[in-house]
Amino acid sequence: MEIQWSLVSFTALAGAGAWLFFCVGVDAFVQRTNKAAFPASLLAVVLLALGGLCSVTHLSHPDRMLGALAHPAPGIFLEALLLGLLAVVAIVFAVLVKRQAGAGVRKALALVGMVLALAFTFSCGSSYLMASQAAWNTPTLPLAYLGTAAASGTAVWAVLTAVLKEDVAAVRLSGWEVLVGGAAALVLSAAYGFVSGMAVGEQALLFWAAVAVCGGALPMVCGWVMAKHPDKGLAYAVVALVGALVGSVALRALMWLAGSALMSLFGVSI
């Protein structure tokens, strides 16, 4: 099955944006940063928008997107709805931060955004579930999408906290968040890898090198070092981000190849 790079880019970029705002939401409760919330909210919107544009390029007739959105159904409509709602929440949150609105209002909006981020990144994977495609017909697929997005988004947040020279407590916390995101990517991707056959089939080497090591283990290690040595935060945050993005893209690309590999066992070409 041919890799659909437009859809790979959509879920990788938009997923990173969603989890970047998730980190903004966490910070609204713990209040460790002084400068990152506003630019991070705007960057989350940019990543969501870029992802959305990538998804449109997958259509042979992009002008028909409105027709698809006019008929509520699982898949494209749900993804678009969640993406749009999350983008609106992020924009409103950025305005509230700029106007120094009360902490209670920001926390309430942040919580809504965090829930939307979880729902959106899960839905990006769940839209592929289908009984006719055994390598995709497993709940571990949307969970793997969620986990790899978490690794990417937390790494973007860590880069921002380091670049903006937030205090030691903020950088240290962002390091722990990267560690958690990397762990989620590693565990959930490995689960999907074994269920789908990617972890033991002909794509096993690429899966373990790109998805497991680069996308999961590397961010975990970098996050741990950031938490222990926040003065070196920027370098490790950048490495974690590169690794997380490689893993995120690789998982989504290999998902398409997993379908082809499984069908070829039965002499079927799709």
Protein backbone atom coordinates (compact mmCIF):
# COMPACT_ATOMS: atom_id res chain seq x y z
CA MET A 1 0.00 0.00 0.00
CA GLU A 2 1.45 3.37 -1.00
CA ILE A 3 2.40 5.67 1.86
CA GLN A 4 0.08 8.69 1.98
CA TRP A 5 2.57 11.38 2.92
CA SER A 6 -0.06 14.11 3.13
CA LEU A 7 -1.85 12.19 5.87
CA VAL A 8 1.42 11.29 7.58
CA SER A 9 2.36 14.99 7.71
CA PHE A 10 -1.11 15.98 8.87
CA THR A 11 -1.20 13.76 11.94
CA ALA A 12 2.48 14.28 12.81
CA LEU A 13 2.34 18.11 12.71
CA ALA A 14 -1.15 18.58 14.11
CA GLY A 15 -0.48 15.96 16.78
CA ALA A 16 2.63 17.83 17.91
CA GLY A 17 0.62 21.06 18.04
CA ALA A 18 -2.12 19.41 20.09
CA TRP A 19 0.29 18.10 22.67
CA LEU A 20 2.18 21.37 22.75
CA PHE A 21 -1.03 22.98 23.93
CA PHE A 22 -1.53 20.10 26.36
CA CYS A 23 1.76 21.16 27.97
CA VAL A 24 0.53 24.77 28.03
CA GLY A 25 -2.53 23.47 29.86
CA VAL A 26 -0.41 21.64 32.42
CA ASP A 27 1.57 24.81 32.99
CA ALA A 28 -1.64 26.76 33.63
CA PHE A 29 -2.11 24.57 36.71
CA VAL A 30 1.47 24.28 37.98
CA GLN A 31 2.50 27.82 36.92
CA ARG A 32 6.21 27.22 36.36
CA THR A 33 6.80 29.47 33.33
CA ASN A 34 6.67 33.23 32.89
CA LYS A 35 7.00 33.67 29.13
CA ALA A 36 6.27 30.41 27.29
CA ALA A 37 2.46 30.16 27.49
CA PHE A 38 1.66 32.86 24.93
CA PRO A 39 4.13 31.90 22.15
CA ALA A 40 3.46 28.20 22.76
CA SER A 41 -0.28 28.71 22.29
CA LEU A 42 0.29 30.54 19.01
CA LEU A 43 2.79 27.93 17.81
CA ALA A 44 0.25 25.21 18.62
CA VAL A 45 -2.26 26.96 16.36
CA VAL A 46 0.35 27.21 13.59
CA LEU A 47 1.17 23.50 13.81
CA LEU A 48 -2.52 22.59 13.79
CA ALA A 49 -3.08 24.80 10.75
CA LEU A 50 -0.06 23.38 8.89
CA GLY A 51 -1.29 19.88 9.60
CA GLY A 52 -4.74 20.78 8.33
CA LEU A 53 -3.28 22.16 5.11
CA CYS A 54 -1.30 18.96 4.60
CA SER A 55 -4.48 16.91 4.91
CA VAL A 56 -6.17 19.01 2.23
CA THR A 57 -3.36 18.23 -0.24
CA HIS A 58 -4.37 14.58 -0.02
CA LEU A 59 -7.61 15.36 -1.83
CA SER A 60 -7.62 15.31 -5.62
CA HIS A 61 -10.27 18.05 -5.43
CA PRO A 62 -9.58 20.13 -2.27
CA ASP A 63 -12.65 22.23 -3.00
CA ARG A 64 -14.78 19.22 -2.09
CA MET A 65 -13.54 19.29 1.51
CA LEU A 66 -16.54 21.42 2.48
CA GLY A 67 -18.82 18.76 1.09
CA ALA A 68 -17.23 16.13 3.32
CA LEU A 69 -17.46 18.38 6.35
CA ALA A 70 -21.12 19.08 5.65
CA HIS A 71 -22.00 15.45 6.40
CA PRO A 72 -21.19 14.61 10.05
CA ALA A 73 -19.61 11.18 10.31
CA PRO A 74 -16.61 9.55 11.96
CA GLY A 75 -13.24 10.18 10.35
CA ILE A 76 -12.60 13.41 8.47
CA PHE A 77 -15.46 15.31 10.06
CA LEU A 78 -14.51 14.37 13.63
CA GLU A 79 -10.83 15.16 13.07
CA ALA A 80 -11.67 18.53 11.52
CA LEU A 81 -14.11 19.37 14.30
CA LEU A 82 -11.66 18.55 17.08
CA LEU A 83 -8.81 20.35 15.30
CA GLY A 84 -10.93 23.47 14.82
CA LEU A 85 -12.17 23.50 18.40
CA LEU A 86 -8.66 23.04 19.76
CA ALA A 87 -7.33 25.85 17.56
CA VAL A 88 -10.06 28.20 18.81
CA VAL A 89 -9.34 27.27 22.43
CA ALA A 90 -5.61 27.90 21.91
CA ILE A 91 -6.25 31.31 20.33
CA VAL A 92 -8.62 32.37 23.11
CA PHE A 93 -6.16 31.13 25.71
CA ALA A 94 -3.37 33.18 24.12
CA VAL A 95 -5.61 36.27 24.29
CA LEU A 96 -6.36 35.60 27.95
CA VAL A 97 -2.67 35.25 28.72
CA LYS A 98 -1.87 38.48 26.89
CA ARG A 99 -4.58 40.31 28.82
CA GLN A 100 -3.48 38.71 32.08
CA ALA A 101 -6.91 37.24 32.76
CA GLY A 102 -7.65 35.50 36.03
CA ALA A 103 -6.00 32.16 36.76
CA GLY A 104 -9.36 30.43 37.23
CA VAL A 105 -10.59 31.27 33.74
CA ARG A 106 -7.31 30.21 32.18
CA LYS A 107 -7.30 26.91 34.07
CA ALA A 108 -10.84 26.12 32.94
CA LEU A 109 -10.00 26.82 29.30
CA ALA A 110 -6.71 24.95 29.60
CA LEU A 111 -8.54 21.88 30.87
CA VAL A 112 -10.90 21.98 27.89
CA GLY A 113 -7.90 22.24 25.57
CA MET A 114 -6.13 19.32 27.23
CA VAL A 115 -9.18 17.09 26.78
CA LEU A 116 -9.48 18.16 23.13
CA ALA A 117 -5.77 17.45 22.57
CA LEU A 118 -6.18 13.91 23.88
CA ALA A 119 -9.33 13.33 21.85
CA PHE A 120 -7.87 14.76 18.65
CA THR A 121 -4.62 12.77 18.66
CA PHE A 122 -6.52 9.57 19.45
CA SER A 123 -9.10 10.24 16.73
CA CYS A 124 -6.36 10.71 14.13
CA GLY A 125 -5.50 7.04 14.57
CA SER A 126 -8.99 5.72 15.24
CA SER A 127 -10.21 7.00 11.87
CA TYR A 128 -8.14 4.24 10.22
CA LEU A 129 -9.72 1.38 12.16
CA MET A 130 -11.47 -1.02 9.80
CA ALA A 131 -12.30 -4.71 9.97
CA SER A 132 -11.06 -5.27 6.41
CA GLN A 133 -7.53 -4.17 7.29
CA ALA A 134 -6.29 -6.45 10.06
CA ALA A 135 -3.03 -4.55 10.65
CA TRP A 136 -5.05 -1.43 11.42
CA ASN A 137 -8.03 -2.97 13.19
CA THR A 138 -6.64 -2.65 16.72
CA PRO A 139 -7.03 0.00 19.46
CA THR A 140 -3.25 0.05 19.80
CA LEU A 141 -3.09 2.05 16.54
CA PRO A 142 -4.80 5.23 17.83
CA LEU A 143 -2.92 4.81 21.11
CA ALA A 144 0.38 4.74 19.18
CA TYR A 145 -0.68 7.90 17.35
CA LEU A 146 -1.41 9.53 20.69
CA GLY A 147 1.89 8.41 22.22
CA THR A 148 4.09 9.61 19.37
CA ALA A 149 2.25 12.95 19.29
CA ALA A 150 2.88 13.28 23.02
CA ALA A 151 6.62 12.81 22.51
CA SER A 152 6.72 15.45 19.76
CA GLY A 153 4.56 18.01 21.55
CA THR A 154 6.37 17.78 24.88
CA ALA A 155 9.70 18.14 23.05
CA VAL A 156 8.51 21.32 21.30
CA TRP A 157 7.45 22.68 24.70
CA ALA A 158 10.85 21.83 26.16
CA VAL A 159 12.62 23.65 23.34
CA LEU A 160 10.51 26.75 23.97
CA THR A 161 11.15 26.78 27.72
CA ALA A 162 14.88 26.51 27.07
CA VAL A 163 14.98 29.08 24.26
CA LEU A 164 12.99 31.59 26.32
CA LYS A 165 15.35 31.02 29.25
CA GLU A 166 12.66 30.09 31.73
CA ASP A 167 13.87 29.43 35.25
CA VAL A 168 15.39 26.15 36.38
CA ALA A 169 12.12 24.75 37.77
CA ALA A 170 10.31 25.26 34.44
CA VAL A 171 13.07 23.67 32.34
CA ARG A 172 13.36 20.77 34.77
CA LEU A 173 9.61 20.13 34.62
CA SER A 174 9.65 20.26 30.83
CA GLY A 175 12.37 17.62 30.93
CA TRP A 176 10.16 15.31 32.98
CA GLU A 177 7.32 15.94 30.51
CA VAL A 178 9.57 14.92 27.62
CA LEU A 179 10.52 11.78 29.53
CA VAL A 180 6.85 10.90 30.02
CA GLY A 181 6.05 11.69 26.38
CA GLY A 182 8.94 9.52 25.19
CA ALA A 183 7.85 6.67 27.44
CA ALA A 184 4.30 6.90 26.09
CA ALA A 185 5.62 6.81 22.53
CA LEU A 186 7.86 3.83 23.24
CA VAL A 187 5.32 1.70 25.10
CA LEU A 188 2.29 2.45 22.90
CA SER A 189 4.23 2.18 19.64
CA ALA A 190 5.75 -1.13 20.73
CA ALA A 191 2.27 -2.42 21.55
CA TYR A 192 1.06 -1.55 18.06
CA GLY A 193 4.27 -2.90 16.52
CA PHE A 194 3.73 -6.36 17.98
CA VAL A 195 -0.01 -6.45 17.28
CA SER A 196 0.40 -5.31 13.67
CA GLY A 197 3.52 -7.36 12.99
CA MET A 198 5.74 -4.37 12.28
CA ALA A 199 7.99 -5.18 15.23
CA VAL A 200 8.84 -8.66 13.96
CA GLY A 201 8.29 -8.49 10.19
CA GLU A 202 10.45 -7.30 7.33
CA GLN A 203 10.14 -3.70 8.57
CA ALA A 204 11.31 -4.66 12.07
CA LEU A 205 14.75 -3.04 11.83
CA LEU A 206 13.32 0.29 10.70
CA PHE A 207 10.58 0.09 13.31
CA TRP A 208 12.95 -0.46 16.23
CA ALA A 209 15.55 2.03 15.02
CA ALA A 210 13.28 4.89 13.93
CA VAL A 211 10.12 4.44 16.00
CA ALA A 212 11.28 2.79 19.22
CA VAL A 213 14.79 4.19 19.64
CA CYS A 214 14.56 7.60 17.94
CA GLY A 215 10.91 8.26 18.73
CA GLY A 216 10.72 6.85 22.23
CA ALA A 217 13.97 5.92 23.96
CA LEU A 218 15.92 8.99 22.79
CA PRO A 219 13.36 11.54 24.07
CA MET A 220 13.20 9.60 27.35
CA VAL A 221 16.94 9.86 27.86
CA CYS A 222 17.07 13.51 26.80
CA GLY A 223 14.17 14.34 29.10
CA TRP A 224 15.89 12.68 32.04
CA VAL A 225 19.12 14.60 31.37
CA MET A 226 17.16 17.87 31.07
CA ALA A 227 15.47 17.22 34.40
CA LYS A 228 18.81 16.51 36.07
CA HIS A 229 20.85 19.18 34.26
CA PRO A 230 18.46 22.00 33.22
CA ASP A 231 21.44 24.21 32.33
CA LYS A 232 21.98 21.95 29.31
CA GLY A 233 18.27 21.94 28.47
CA LEU A 234 18.29 23.45 24.99
CA ALA A 235 20.68 20.98 23.38
CA TYR A 236 18.89 17.95 24.77
CA ALA A 237 15.46 19.39 23.99
CA VAL A 238 16.42 19.83 20.34
CA VAL A 239 17.77 16.28 20.13
CA ALA A 240 14.57 14.99 21.75
CA LEU A 241 12.46 16.94 19.27
CA VAL A 242 14.34 15.62 16.24
CA GLY A 243 14.10 12.06 17.53
CA ALA A 244 10.41 12.38 18.40
CA LEU A 245 9.54 13.74 14.96
CA VAL A 246 11.50 10.98 13.24
CA GLY A 247 9.65 8.40 15.30
CA SER A 248 6.27 10.02 14.74
CA VAL A 249 6.68 10.17 10.96
CA ALA A 250 8.18 6.67 10.79
CA LEU A 251 5.29 5.09 12.71
CA ARG A 252 2.72 6.69 10.44
CA ALA A 253 4.61 5.72 7.29
CA LEU A 254 5.18 2.14 8.43
CA MET A 255 1.48 1.83 9.25
CA TRP A 256 0.74 1.89 5.52
CA LEU A 257 3.45 -0.66 4.79
CA ALA A 258 2.16 -2.94 7.57
CA GLY A 259 -1.13 -3.23 5.73
CA SER A 260 0.63 -4.22 2.51
CA ALA A 261 2.86 -6.76 4.24
CA LEU A 262 -0.06 -8.49 5.95
CA MET A 263 -2.15 -8.67 2.78
CA SER A 264 0.75 -10.04 0.76
CA LEU A 265 0.72 -13.15 2.95
CA PHE A 266 -2.58 -14.02 1.31
CA GLY A 267 -1.42 -13.17 -2.21
CA VAL A 268 -3.45 -9.98 -2.29
CA SER A 269 -2.13 -6.71 -3.64
CA ILE A 270 -3.70 -3.39 -2.57
